[in-house]
PDB file of N, CA and C in Angstrom:
ATOM      1  N   MET A   1      59.635 146.673 -49.776  1.00  0.00           N
ATOM      2  CA  MET A   1      59.093 146.902 -48.447  1.00  0.00           C
ATOM      3  C   MET A   1      57.611 147.276 -48.540  1.00  0.00           C
ATOM      4  N   PRO A   2      56.766 146.428 -48.083  1.00  0.00           N
ATOM      5  CA  PRO A   2      55.328 146.738 -48.134  1.00  0.00           C
ATOM      6  C   PRO A   2      54.939 147.747 -47.062  1.00  0.00           C
ATOM      7  N   HIS A   3      53.775 148.277 -47.220  1.00  0.00           N
ATOM      8  CA  HIS A   3      53.218 149.186 -46.234  1.00  0.00           C
ATOM      9  C   HIS A   3      52.360 148.392 -45.256  1.00  0.00           C
ATOM     10  N   VAL A   4      52.114 148.993 -44.093  1.00  0.00           N
ATOM     11  CA  VAL A   4      51.410 148.338 -42.992  1.00  0.00           C
ATOM     12  C   VAL A   4      50.383 149.311 -42.423  1.00  0.00           C
ATOM     13  N   VAL A   5      49.181 148.826 -42.147  1.00  0.00           N
ATOM     14  CA  VAL A   5      48.161 149.621 -41.470  1.00  0.00           C
ATOM     15  C   VAL A   5      48.332 149.377 -39.973  1.00  0.00           C
ATOM     16  N   CYS A   6      48.410 150.461 -39.207  1.00  0.00           N
ATOM     17  CA  CYS A   6      48.683 150.349 -37.766  1.00  0.00           C
ATOM     18  C   CYS A   6      47.513 150.818 -36.901  1.00  0.00           C
ATOM     19  N   GLU A   7      47.738 150.893 -35.620  1.00  0.00           N
ATOM     20  CA  GLU A   7      46.742 151.143 -34.585  1.00  0.00           C
ATOM     21  C   GLU A   7      45.791 152.309 -34.832  1.00  0.00           C
ATOM     22  N   PRO A   8      46.227 153.436 -35.413  1.00  0.00           N
ATOM     23  CA  PRO A   8      45.267 154.532 -35.605  1.00  0.00           C
ATOM     24  C   PRO A   8      44.037 154.160 -36.441  1.00  0.00           C
ATOM     25  N   CYS A   9      44.115 153.083 -37.204  1.00  0.00           N
ATOM     26  CA  CYS A   9      42.982 152.645 -38.021  1.00  0.00           C
ATOM     27  C   CYS A   9      41.932 151.878 -37.208  1.00  0.00           C
ATOM     28  N   VAL A  10      42.312 151.377 -36.060  1.00  0.00           N
ATOM     29  CA  VAL A  10      41.394 150.573 -35.242  1.00  0.00           C
ATOM     30  C   VAL A  10      40.177 151.413 -34.851  1.00  0.00           C
ATOM     31  N   ASP A  11      39.009 150.870 -35.100  1.00  0.00           N
ATOM     32  CA  ASP A  11      37.725 151.518 -34.831  1.00  0.00           C
ATOM     33  C   ASP A  11      37.545 152.826 -35.597  1.00  0.00           C
ATOM     34  N   CYS A  12      38.261 152.994 -36.652  1.00  0.00           N
ATOM     35  CA  CYS A  12      38.180 154.189 -37.479  1.00  0.00           C
ATOM     36  C   CYS A  12      37.829 153.768 -38.909  1.00  0.00           C
ATOM     37  N   LYS A  13      38.752 153.051 -39.519  1.00  0.00           N
ATOM     38  CA  LYS A  13      38.569 152.395 -40.809  1.00  0.00           C
ATOM     39  C   LYS A  13      38.134 153.336 -41.937  1.00  0.00           C
ATOM     40  N   TYR A  14      38.871 154.424 -42.117  1.00  0.00           N
ATOM     41  CA  TYR A  14      38.668 155.233 -43.314  1.00  0.00           C
ATOM     42  C   TYR A  14      39.117 154.407 -44.512  1.00  0.00           C
ATOM     43  N   THR A  15      38.485 154.595 -45.641  1.00  0.00           N
ATOM     44  CA  THR A  15      38.834 153.804 -46.816  1.00  0.00           C
ATOM     45  C   THR A  15      39.342 154.669 -47.976  1.00  0.00           C
ATOM     46  N   ASP A  16      39.766 155.872 -47.687  1.00  0.00           N
ATOM     47  CA  ASP A  16      40.327 156.752 -48.714  1.00  0.00           C
ATOM     48  C   ASP A  16      41.535 156.093 -49.377  1.00  0.00           C
ATOM     49  N   CYS A  17      42.313 155.358 -48.597  1.00  0.00           N
ATOM     50  CA  CYS A  17      43.510 154.681 -49.083  1.00  0.00           C
ATOM     51  C   CYS A  17      43.181 153.589 -50.097  1.00  0.00           C
ATOM     52  N   VAL A  18      42.061 152.953 -49.916  1.00  0.00           N
ATOM     53  CA  VAL A  18      41.666 151.818 -50.753  1.00  0.00           C
ATOM     54  C   VAL A  18      41.485 152.224 -52.209  1.00  0.00           C
ATOM     55  N   VAL A  19      40.871 153.363 -52.444  1.00  0.00           N
ATOM     56  CA  VAL A  19      40.547 153.759 -53.818  1.00  0.00           C
ATOM     57  C   VAL A  19      41.763 154.193 -54.626  1.00  0.00           C
ATOM     58  N   VAL A  20      42.864 154.527 -53.983  1.00  0.00           N
ATOM     59  CA  VAL A  20      44.066 154.933 -54.723  1.00  0.00           C
ATOM     60  C   VAL A  20      45.052 153.787 -54.927  1.00  0.00           C
ATOM     61  N   CYS A  21      44.795 152.640 -54.344  1.00  0.00           N
ATOM     62  CA  CYS A  21      45.710 151.503 -54.451  1.00  0.00           C
ATOM     63  C   CYS A  21      45.633 150.894 -55.851  1.00  0.00           C
ATOM     64  N   PRO A  22      46.748 150.895 -56.588  1.00  0.00           N
ATOM     65  CA  PRO A  22      46.710 150.365 -57.953  1.00  0.00           C
ATOM     66  C   PRO A  22      46.675 148.840 -58.040  1.00  0.00           C
ATOM     67  N   VAL A  23      46.925 148.159 -56.931  1.00  0.00           N
ATOM     68  CA  VAL A  23      46.947 146.690 -56.972  1.00  0.00           C
ATOM     69  C   VAL A  23      45.904 146.045 -56.062  1.00  0.00           C
ATOM     70  N   ASP A  24      45.014 146.841 -55.493  1.00  0.00           N
ATOM     71  CA  ASP A  24      43.926 146.320 -54.645  1.00  0.00           C
ATOM     72  C   ASP A  24      44.436 145.398 -53.540  1.00  0.00           C
ATOM     73  N   CYS A  25      45.397 145.870 -52.758  1.00  0.00           N
ATOM     74  CA  CYS A  25      45.992 145.018 -51.720  1.00  0.00           C
ATOM     75  C   CYS A  25      45.419 145.258 -50.329  1.00  0.00           C
ATOM     76  N   PHE A  26      44.292 145.980 -50.228  1.00  0.00           N
ATOM     77  CA  PHE A  26      43.667 146.231 -48.928  1.00  0.00           C
ATOM     78  C   PHE A  26      42.594 145.192 -48.636  1.00  0.00           C
ATOM     79  N   TYR A  27      42.500 144.837 -47.371  1.00  0.00           N
ATOM     80  CA  TYR A  27      41.528 143.849 -46.902  1.00  0.00           C
ATOM     81  C   TYR A  27      40.807 144.420 -45.691  1.00  0.00           C
ATOM     82  N   GLU A  28      39.512 144.119 -45.590  1.00  0.00           N
ATOM     83  CA  GLU A  28      38.673 144.716 -44.562  1.00  0.00           C
ATOM     84  C   GLU A  28      38.392 143.756 -43.425  1.00  0.00           C
ATOM     85  N   GLY A  29      38.884 144.137 -42.249  1.00  0.00           N
ATOM     86  CA  GLY A  29      38.573 143.399 -41.041  1.00  0.00           C
ATOM     87  C   GLY A  29      37.377 144.022 -40.353  1.00  0.00           C
ATOM     88  N   GLU A  30      37.006 143.466 -39.233  1.00  0.00           N
ATOM     89  CA  GLU A  30      35.836 143.964 -38.508  1.00  0.00           C
ATOM     90  C   GLU A  30      36.005 145.410 -38.056  1.00  0.00           C
ATOM     91  N   ASN A  31      37.198 145.762 -37.576  1.00  0.00           N
ATOM     92  CA  ASN A  31      37.363 147.110 -37.045  1.00  0.00           C
ATOM     93  C   ASN A  31      38.559 147.872 -37.618  1.00  0.00           C
ATOM     94  N   MET A  32      39.212 147.343 -38.654  1.00  0.00           N
ATOM     95  CA  MET A  32      40.311 148.055 -39.304  1.00  0.00           C
ATOM     96  C   MET A  32      40.613 147.436 -40.667  1.00  0.00           C
ATOM     97  N   LEU A  33      41.469 148.091 -41.414  1.00  0.00           N
ATOM     98  CA  LEU A  33      41.912 147.589 -42.707  1.00  0.00           C
ATOM     99  C   LEU A  33      43.287 146.954 -42.560  1.00  0.00           C
ATOM    100  N   TYR A  34      43.632 146.098 -43.516  1.00  0.00           N
ATOM    101  CA  TYR A  34      44.933 145.441 -43.532  1.00  0.00           C
ATOM    102  C   TYR A  34      45.491 145.504 -44.948  1.00  0.00           C
ATOM    103  N   ILE A  35      46.810 145.499 -45.053  1.00  0.00           N
ATOM    104  CA  ILE A  35      47.484 145.452 -46.348  1.00  0.00           C
ATOM    105  C   ILE A  35      48.164 144.099 -46.482  1.00  0.00           C
ATOM    106  N   ASN A  36      47.937 143.445 -47.615  1.00  0.00           N
ATOM    107  CA  ASN A  36      48.603 142.174 -47.874  1.00  0.00           C
ATOM    108  C   ASN A  36      50.027 142.471 -48.345  1.00  0.00           C
ATOM    109  N   PRO A  37      51.043 142.087 -47.570  1.00  0.00           N
ATOM    110  CA  PRO A  37      52.422 142.414 -47.930  1.00  0.00           C
ATOM    111  C   PRO A  37      52.898 141.715 -49.206  1.00  0.00           C
ATOM    112  N   GLU A  38      52.255 140.627 -49.574  1.00  0.00           N
ATOM    113  CA  GLU A  38      52.624 139.920 -50.801  1.00  0.00           C
ATOM    114  C   GLU A  38      52.107 140.644 -52.042  1.00  0.00           C
ATOM    115  N   GLU A  39      51.114 141.482 -51.880  1.00  0.00           N
ATOM    116  CA  GLU A  39      50.506 142.188 -53.004  1.00  0.00           C
ATOM    117  C   GLU A  39      50.937 143.646 -53.095  1.00  0.00           C
ATOM    118  N   CYS A  40      51.328 144.250 -51.986  1.00  0.00           N
ATOM    119  CA  CYS A  40      51.712 145.662 -51.946  1.00  0.00           C
ATOM    120  C   CYS A  40      52.965 145.876 -52.801  1.00  0.00           C
ATOM    121  N   ILE A  41      52.915 146.882 -53.671  1.00  0.00           N
ATOM    122  CA  ILE A  41      54.057 147.181 -54.535  1.00  0.00           C
ATOM    123  C   ILE A  41      54.855 148.376 -54.023  1.00  0.00           C
ATOM    124  N   ASP A  42      54.561 148.824 -52.827  1.00  0.00           N
ATOM    125  CA  ASP A  42      55.305 149.896 -52.180  1.00  0.00           C
ATOM    126  C   ASP A  42      55.273 151.199 -52.972  1.00  0.00           C
ATOM    127  N   CYS A  43      54.141 151.512 -53.570  1.00  0.00           N
ATOM    128  CA  CYS A  43      54.036 152.737 -54.354  1.00  0.00           C
ATOM    129  C   CYS A  43      53.841 153.966 -53.458  1.00  0.00           C
ATOM    130  N   GLY A  44      53.293 153.755 -52.261  1.00  0.00           N
ATOM    131  CA  GLY A  44      53.100 154.846 -51.322  1.00  0.00           C
ATOM    132  C   GLY A  44      51.884 155.706 -51.569  1.00  0.00           C
ATOM    133  N   SER A  45      51.070 155.378 -52.552  1.00  0.00           N
ATOM    134  CA  SER A  45      49.881 156.180 -52.863  1.00  0.00           C
ATOM    135  C   SER A  45      48.907 156.276 -51.695  1.00  0.00           C
ATOM    136  N   CYS A  46      48.850 155.253 -50.892  1.00  0.00           N
ATOM    137  CA  CYS A  46      47.892 155.198 -49.791  1.00  0.00           C
ATOM    138  C   CYS A  46      48.278 156.091 -48.614  1.00  0.00           C
ATOM    139  N   VAL A  47      49.549 156.311 -48.411  1.00  0.00           N
ATOM    140  CA  VAL A  47      50.029 157.021 -47.214  1.00  0.00           C
ATOM    141  C   VAL A  47      49.420 158.415 -47.063  1.00  0.00           C
ATOM    142  N   PRO A  48      49.496 159.282 -48.062  1.00  0.00           N
ATOM    143  CA  PRO A  48      48.924 160.621 -47.879  1.00  0.00           C
ATOM    144  C   PRO A  48      47.398 160.649 -47.840  1.00  0.00           C
ATOM    145  N   GLU A  49      46.751 159.577 -48.262  1.00  0.00           N
ATOM    146  CA  GLU A  49      45.287 159.520 -48.271  1.00  0.00           C
ATOM    147  C   GLU A  49      44.699 159.171 -46.908  1.00  0.00           C
ATOM    148  N   CYS A  50      45.494 158.617 -46.020  1.00  0.00           N
ATOM    149  CA  CYS A  50      44.996 158.198 -44.717  1.00  0.00           C
ATOM    150  C   CYS A  50      44.885 159.403 -43.781  1.00  0.00           C
ATOM    151  N   PRO A  51      43.657 159.790 -43.412  1.00  0.00           N
ATOM    152  CA  PRO A  51      43.472 160.987 -42.582  1.00  0.00           C
ATOM    153  C   PRO A  51      43.936 160.816 -41.132  1.00  0.00           C
ATOM    154  N   VAL A  52      44.175 159.584 -40.700  1.00  0.00           N
ATOM    155  CA  VAL A  52      44.623 159.364 -39.317  1.00  0.00           C
ATOM    156  C   VAL A  52      46.087 158.920 -39.251  1.00  0.00           C
ATOM    157  N   GLU A  53      46.779 158.961 -40.387  1.00  0.00           N
ATOM    158  CA  GLU A  53      48.195 158.615 -40.472  1.00  0.00           C
ATOM    159  C   GLU A  53      48.493 157.240 -39.880  1.00  0.00           C
ATOM    160  N   ALA A  54      47.759 156.239 -40.362  1.00  0.00           N
ATOM    161  CA  ALA A  54      47.885 154.875 -39.849  1.00  0.00           C
ATOM    162  C   ALA A  54      48.772 153.981 -40.710  1.00  0.00           C
ATOM    163  N   ILE A  55      49.247 154.462 -41.856  1.00  0.00           N
ATOM    164  CA  ILE A  55      49.973 153.610 -42.792  1.00  0.00           C
ATOM    165  C   ILE A  55      51.458 153.979 -42.822  1.00  0.00           C
ATOM    166  N   TYR A  56      52.299 152.951 -42.638  1.00  0.00           N
ATOM    167  CA  TYR A  56      53.749 153.122 -42.619  1.00  0.00           C
ATOM    168  C   TYR A  56      54.410 152.056 -43.488  1.00  0.00           C
ATOM    169  N   MET A  57      55.607 152.363 -43.994  1.00  0.00           N
ATOM    170  CA  MET A  57      56.423 151.312 -44.601  1.00  0.00           C
ATOM    171  C   MET A  57      56.808 150.358 -43.474  1.00  0.00           C
ATOM    172  N   ASP A  58      56.889 149.064 -43.762  1.00  0.00           N
ATOM    173  CA  ASP A  58      57.121 148.093 -42.688  1.00  0.00           C
ATOM    174  C   ASP A  58      58.390 148.372 -41.890  1.00  0.00           C
ATOM    175  N   ASP A  59      59.421 148.912 -42.518  1.00  0.00           N
ATOM    176  CA  ASP A  59      60.657 149.241 -41.791  1.00  0.00           C
ATOM    177  C   ASP A  59      60.535 150.494 -40.934  1.00  0.00           C
ATOM    178  N   ASN A  60      59.476 151.281 -41.140  1.00  0.00           N
ATOM    179  CA  ASN A  60      59.295 152.526 -40.397  1.00  0.00           C
ATOM    180  C   ASN A  60      58.144 152.487 -39.398  1.00  0.00           C
ATOM    181  N   VAL A  61      57.575 151.322 -39.166  1.00  0.00           N
ATOM    182  CA  VAL A  61      56.488 151.203 -38.190  1.00  0.00           C
ATOM    183  C   VAL A  61      57.048 151.531 -36.804  1.00  0.00           C
ATOM    184  N   PRO A  62      56.407 152.438 -36.073  1.00  0.00           N
ATOM    185  CA  PRO A  62      56.878 152.744 -34.718  1.00  0.00           C
ATOM    186  C   PRO A  62      56.932 151.480 -33.853  1.00  0.00           C
ATOM    187  N   LYS A  63      57.907 151.415 -32.974  1.00  0.00           N
ATOM    188  CA  LYS A  63      58.110 150.223 -32.141  1.00  0.00           C
ATOM    189  C   LYS A  63      56.845 149.818 -31.399  1.00  0.00           C
ATOM    190  N   ARG A  64      56.080 150.779 -30.937  1.00  0.00           N
ATOM    191  CA  ARG A  64      54.873 150.461 -30.156  1.00  0.00           C
ATOM    192  C   ARG A  64      53.806 149.736 -30.998  1.00  0.00           C
ATOM    193  N   TRP A  65      53.942 149.812 -32.321  1.00  0.00           N
ATOM    194  CA  TRP A  65      52.970 149.178 -33.214  1.00  0.00           C
ATOM    195  C   TRP A  65      53.597 148.068 -34.054  1.00  0.00           C
ATOM    196  N   HIS A  66      54.752 147.593 -33.674  1.00  0.00           N
ATOM    197  CA  HIS A  66      55.474 146.608 -34.480  1.00  0.00           C
ATOM    198  C   HIS A  66      54.660 145.323 -34.718  1.00  0.00           C
ATOM    199  N   GLU A  67      53.796 144.951 -33.793  1.00  0.00           N
ATOM    200  CA  GLU A  67      52.998 143.734 -33.974  1.00  0.00           C
ATOM    201  C   GLU A  67      52.043 143.834 -35.162  1.00  0.00           C
ATOM    202  N   TYR A  68      51.785 145.048 -35.646  1.00  0.00           N
ATOM    203  CA  TYR A  68      50.889 145.226 -36.788  1.00  0.00           C
ATOM    204  C   TYR A  68      51.506 144.731 -38.093  1.00  0.00           C
ATOM    205  N   VAL A  69      52.820 144.621 -38.160  1.00  0.00           N
ATOM    206  CA  VAL A  69      53.466 144.086 -39.362  1.00  0.00           C
ATOM    207  C   VAL A  69      52.998 142.650 -39.581  1.00  0.00           C
ATOM    208  N   GLU A  70      53.098 141.832 -38.561  1.00  0.00           N
ATOM    209  CA  GLU A  70      52.653 140.442 -38.654  1.00  0.00           C
ATOM    210  C   GLU A  70      51.130 140.347 -38.738  1.00  0.00           C
ATOM    211  N   LEU A  71      50.441 141.212 -38.006  1.00  0.00           N
ATOM    212  CA  LEU A  71      48.975 141.194 -38.005  1.00  0.00           C
ATOM    213  C   LEU A  71      48.424 141.468 -39.410  1.00  0.00           C
ATOM    214  N   ASN A  72      48.992 142.435 -40.134  1.00  0.00           N
ATOM    215  CA  ASN A  72      48.538 142.714 -41.494  1.00  0.00           C
ATOM    216  C   ASN A  72      48.707 141.490 -42.381  1.00  0.00           C
ATOM    217  N   ALA A  73      49.875 140.854 -42.303  1.00  0.00           N
ATOM    218  CA  ALA A  73      50.138 139.672 -43.137  1.00  0.00           C
ATOM    219  C   ALA A  73      49.160 138.546 -42.824  1.00  0.00           C
ATOM    220  N   GLU A  74      48.888 138.349 -41.551  1.00  0.00           N
ATOM    221  CA  GLU A  74      47.982 137.277 -41.132  1.00  0.00           C
ATOM    222  C   GLU A  74      46.533 137.573 -41.507  1.00  0.00           C
ATOM    223  N   MET A  75      46.055 138.761 -41.162  1.00  0.00           N
ATOM    224  CA  MET A  75      44.644 139.080 -41.350  1.00  0.00           C
ATOM    225  C   MET A  75      44.273 139.335 -42.811  1.00  0.00           C
ATOM    226  N   ALA A  76      45.204 139.813 -43.616  1.00  0.00           N
ATOM    227  CA  ALA A  76      44.904 140.037 -45.035  1.00  0.00           C
ATOM    228  C   ALA A  76      44.529 138.730 -45.720  1.00  0.00           C
ATOM    229  N   ASN A  77      45.049 137.627 -45.210  1.00  0.00           N
ATOM    230  CA  ASN A  77      44.718 136.321 -45.781  1.00  0.00           C
ATOM    231  C   ASN A  77      43.404 135.753 -45.260  1.00  0.00           C
ATOM    232  N   GLN A  78      42.806 136.410 -44.271  1.00  0.00           N
ATOM    233  CA  GLN A  78      41.565 135.926 -43.682  1.00  0.00           C
ATOM    234  C   GLN A  78      40.360 136.824 -43.966  1.00  0.00           C
ATOM    235  N   CYS A  79      40.616 138.032 -44.440  1.00  0.00           N
ATOM    236  CA  CYS A  79      39.554 139.019 -44.623  1.00  0.00           C
ATOM    237  C   CYS A  79      39.252 139.234 -46.107  1.00  0.00           C
ATOM    238  N   PRO A  80      38.071 139.769 -46.395  1.00  0.00           N
ATOM    239  CA  PRO A  80      37.722 140.039 -47.795  1.00  0.00           C
ATOM    240  C   PRO A  80      38.456 141.265 -48.345  1.00  0.00           C
ATOM    241  N   ASN A  81      38.769 141.201 -49.622  1.00  0.00           N
ATOM    242  CA  ASN A  81      39.399 142.314 -50.315  1.00  0.00           C
ATOM    243  C   ASN A  81      38.425 143.478 -50.385  1.00  0.00           C
ATOM    244  N   ILE A  82      38.941 144.691 -50.279  1.00  0.00           N
ATOM    245  CA  ILE A  82      38.102 145.884 -50.381  1.00  0.00           C
ATOM    246  C   ILE A  82      38.710 146.795 -51.443  1.00  0.00           C
ATOM    247  N   THR A  83      37.873 147.287 -52.354  1.00  0.00           N
ATOM    248  CA  THR A  83      38.360 148.120 -53.454  1.00  0.00           C
ATOM    249  C   THR A  83      37.581 149.418 -53.618  1.00  0.00           C
ATOM    250  N   GLU A  84      36.524 149.607 -52.837  1.00  0.00           N
ATOM    251  CA  GLU A  84      35.695 150.803 -52.961  1.00  0.00           C
ATOM    252  C   GLU A  84      35.592 151.524 -51.636  1.00  0.00           C
ATOM    253  N   LYS A  85      35.435 152.829 -51.712  1.00  0.00           N
ATOM    254  CA  LYS A  85      35.310 153.662 -50.514  1.00  0.00           C
ATOM    255  C   LYS A  85      33.997 153.353 -49.800  1.00  0.00           C
ATOM    256  N   GLN A  86      34.071 153.300 -48.483  1.00  0.00           N
ATOM    257  CA  GLN A  86      32.904 153.058 -47.637  1.00  0.00           C
ATOM    258  C   GLN A  86      32.895 154.078 -46.512  1.00  0.00           C
ATOM    259  N   ASP A  87      31.791 154.165 -45.799  1.00  0.00           N
ATOM    260  CA  ASP A  87      31.719 155.058 -44.648  1.00  0.00           C
ATOM    261  C   ASP A  87      32.636 154.534 -43.546  1.00  0.00           C
ATOM    262  N   PRO A  88      33.419 155.417 -42.924  1.00  0.00           N
ATOM    263  CA  PRO A  88      34.294 154.975 -41.837  1.00  0.00           C
ATOM    264  C   PRO A  88      33.495 154.646 -40.584  1.00  0.00           C
ATOM    265  N   LEU A  89      34.093 153.864 -39.699  1.00  0.00           N
ATOM    266  CA  LEU A  89      33.442 153.517 -38.440  1.00  0.00           C
ATOM    267  C   LEU A  89      33.300 154.733 -37.540  1.00  0.00           C
ATOM    268  N   CYS A  90      34.243 155.663 -37.626  1.00  0.00           N
ATOM    269  CA  CYS A  90      34.274 156.797 -36.712  1.00  0.00           C
ATOM    270  C   CYS A  90      33.608 158.043 -37.277  1.00  0.00           C
ATOM    271  N   GLU A  91      32.862 157.917 -38.334  1.00  0.00           N
ATOM    272  CA  GLU A  91      32.240 159.084 -38.970  1.00  0.00           C
ATOM    273  C   GLU A  91      31.386 159.874 -37.972  1.00  0.00           C
ATOM    274  N   GLY A  92      31.598 161.160 -37.974  1.00  0.00           N
ATOM    275  CA  GLY A  92      30.811 162.023 -37.110  1.00  0.00           C
ATOM    276  C   GLY A  92      31.353 162.183 -35.713  1.00  0.00           C
ATOM    277  N   GLU A  93      32.424 161.469 -35.380  1.00  0.00           N
ATOM    278  CA  GLU A  93      33.016 161.602 -34.057  1.00  0.00           C
ATOM    279  C   GLU A  93      34.110 162.643 -34.093  1.00  0.00           C
ATOM    280  N   ASP A  94      34.298 163.338 -33.002  1.00  0.00           N
ATOM    281  CA  ASP A  94      35.386 164.326 -32.876  1.00  0.00           C
ATOM    282  C   ASP A  94      36.350 163.907 -31.822  1.00  0.00           C
TER     283      ASP A  94
END
């Protein structure tokens, strides 16, 4: 079961999760990150690193965000891989 990045990442895009991923399965979209389900090994290292709690196992994604399961699979194949920490989009906002 791969992990999925959900709505809390939109317009936020913290990358703390990226640096702990042992298989580099994160991809950077314009306003959020995505996890490639074919590459994710379900280690869970990324979950506690996400300060906005945007990452869930695909079977545990809240119903209101279920479309993010398919969105991650689709967008991970269209976006560039990200492996290093970057400044978040929401830095400095409260």
